[in-house]
Amino acid sequence: MANTHSPDTMRDIIIEALEDNKAEDIVTISLKGKSSLADYMIIASGRSSRHVVGLSNHITEALAKAGMNKAKFEGKDNGDWVLGDNGDIIIHLFRPEVREFYNIEKIWCDPEFLEEYEAKRDLVDA
């Protein structure tokens, strides 16, 4: 039987919670071999500060329902950038304009992925 608490399982549950709650522009970055902080980083946008905070609440509920470690979130008072961490996964939830300003994908993504990602975003914006 598979370990239900693996980083891959947690990643899948978090992504499903984000998709179910209409998060936008979800990006998953493997940190394996890049950082000892976590196995994955997940970045997503919400349409408003309230939506960003709601996404963090839905992630917490989804992980708890699956019997997994809850993610601890910071930044919920403002809702512009909410940062979550459950040990294996770092979660960044942004309002779109805040995400564009900080552009953390550029720091963590491989150049090939970044080029493809930016081209896809340009098509959506057009």
Protein backbone atom coordinates (compact mmCIF):
# COMPACT_ATOMS: atom_id res chain seq x y z
CA MET A 1 0.00 0.00 0.00
CA ALA A 2 1.30 3.45 -0.92
CA ASN A 3 2.31 5.88 1.78
CA THR A 4 -0.63 8.31 1.91
CA HIS A 5 1.56 10.92 3.57
CA SER A 6 4.16 11.13 0.82
CA PRO A 7 5.08 14.54 -0.61
CA ASP A 8 3.63 13.46 -3.97
CA THR A 9 0.27 12.61 -2.37
CA MET A 10 0.23 15.90 -0.46
CA ARG A 11 1.07 17.77 -3.66
CA ASP A 12 -1.83 16.11 -5.45
CA ILE A 13 -4.29 16.91 -2.65
CA ILE A 14 -3.18 20.56 -2.57
CA ILE A 15 -3.45 20.92 -6.34
CA GLU A 16 -6.90 19.31 -6.33
CA ALA A 17 -8.05 21.71 -3.58
CA LEU A 18 -6.74 24.66 -5.61
CA GLU A 19 -8.39 23.47 -8.83
CA ASP A 20 -11.70 22.73 -7.09
CA ASN A 21 -11.74 26.24 -5.66
CA LYS A 22 -10.93 28.02 -8.92
CA ALA A 23 -7.30 28.97 -8.26
CA GLU A 24 -5.66 30.41 -11.34
CA ASP A 25 -2.29 29.81 -12.99
CA ILE A 26 -1.21 26.87 -10.78
CA VAL A 27 2.49 26.00 -11.09
CA THR A 28 4.24 23.11 -9.34
CA ILE A 29 8.02 23.23 -9.03
CA SER A 30 10.06 20.25 -7.89
CA LEU A 31 12.69 21.35 -5.39
CA LYS A 32 14.39 17.97 -5.31
CA GLY A 33 18.09 18.60 -5.79
CA LYS A 34 17.54 22.39 -5.57
CA SER A 35 16.69 22.89 -1.91
CA SER A 36 16.58 20.91 1.31
CA LEU A 37 13.66 23.04 2.56
CA ALA A 38 10.93 21.05 0.83
CA ASP A 39 10.18 18.63 -1.99
CA TYR A 40 7.78 20.89 -3.91
CA MET A 41 6.75 24.49 -4.26
CA ILE A 42 3.23 25.25 -5.46
CA ILE A 43 2.35 28.71 -6.70
CA ALA A 44 -1.18 29.85 -7.55
CA SER A 45 -3.23 33.01 -7.89
CA GLY A 46 -6.59 34.00 -6.49
CA ARG A 47 -8.82 36.66 -8.01
CA SER A 48 -8.92 38.79 -4.86
CA SER A 49 -7.47 38.95 -1.35
CA ARG A 50 -10.54 37.17 -0.06
CA HIS A 51 -10.14 34.40 -2.67
CA VAL A 52 -6.44 33.98 -1.77
CA VAL A 53 -7.30 33.54 1.93
CA GLY A 54 -10.13 31.17 1.01
CA LEU A 55 -7.74 29.03 -1.03
CA SER A 56 -5.45 28.66 1.98
CA ASN A 57 -8.42 27.59 4.12
CA HIS A 58 -9.48 24.99 1.53
CA ILE A 59 -5.96 23.54 1.45
CA THR A 60 -5.94 23.24 5.23
CA GLU A 61 -9.33 21.48 5.17
CA ALA A 62 -8.32 19.10 2.35
CA LEU A 63 -5.11 18.05 4.12
CA ALA A 64 -6.94 17.57 7.44
CA LYS A 65 -9.67 15.52 5.75
CA ALA A 66 -6.95 13.24 4.32
CA GLY A 67 -5.37 12.90 7.79
CA MET A 68 -2.23 14.79 6.80
CA ASN A 69 -0.18 17.55 8.39
CA LYS A 70 -1.92 20.86 8.19
CA ALA A 71 -0.08 23.62 6.38
CA LYS A 72 0.73 26.68 8.46
CA PHE A 73 -0.15 29.86 6.58
CA GLU A 74 1.12 33.41 7.06
CA GLY A 75 -0.17 36.58 5.44
CA LYS A 76 -3.88 35.84 5.80
CA ASP A 77 -4.53 39.23 7.43
CA ASN A 78 -3.70 41.04 4.19
CA GLY A 79 -4.36 38.34 1.59
CA ASP A 80 -2.02 39.76 -1.06
CA TRP A 81 0.54 36.97 -0.64
CA VAL A 82 -0.24 34.02 1.61
CA LEU A 83 2.66 31.68 2.32
CA GLY A 84 2.03 28.12 3.47
CA ASP A 85 4.35 25.38 4.64
CA ASN A 86 3.57 21.84 5.74
CA GLY A 87 7.15 20.62 5.88
CA ASP A 88 7.30 18.91 2.50
CA ILE A 89 5.57 21.54 0.38
CA ILE A 90 5.84 25.32 0.28
CA ILE A 91 2.72 27.06 -1.01
CA HIS A 92 2.59 30.60 -2.38
CA LEU A 93 -0.85 32.08 -3.02
CA PHE A 94 -0.98 35.53 -4.61
CA ARG A 95 -3.26 38.15 -6.03
CA PRO A 96 -2.20 38.29 -9.72
CA GLU A 97 -0.53 41.71 -9.63
CA VAL A 98 1.48 40.81 -6.51
CA ARG A 99 2.56 37.56 -8.11
CA GLU A 100 3.69 39.37 -11.23
CA PHE A 101 5.69 41.86 -9.15
CA TYR A 102 7.62 39.21 -7.18
CA ASN A 103 7.86 36.71 -10.07
CA ILE A 104 9.22 33.92 -7.88
CA GLU A 105 8.85 31.41 -10.71
CA LYS A 106 11.84 33.09 -12.32
CA ILE A 107 13.98 32.25 -9.29
CA TRP A 108 13.04 28.57 -9.01
CA CYS A 109 12.10 27.33 -12.49
CA ASP A 110 14.39 25.82 -15.09
CA PRO A 111 14.92 28.16 -18.09
CA GLU A 112 13.07 25.80 -20.47
CA PHE A 113 10.03 25.64 -18.20
CA LEU A 114 10.09 29.39 -17.62
CA GLU A 115 10.15 30.12 -21.35
CA GLU A 116 7.19 27.78 -21.98
CA TYR A 117 5.30 29.16 -18.95
CA GLU A 118 5.74 32.79 -20.02
CA ALA A 119 4.64 31.99 -23.57
CA LYS A 120 1.49 30.31 -22.22
CA ARG A 121 0.75 33.33 -20.00
CA ASP A 122 1.19 35.67 -22.97
CA LEU A 123 -1.42 33.67 -24.92
CA VAL A 124 -3.88 33.87 -22.02
CA ASP A 125 -3.34 37.65 -21.66
CA ALA A 126 -3.83 38.28 -25.40
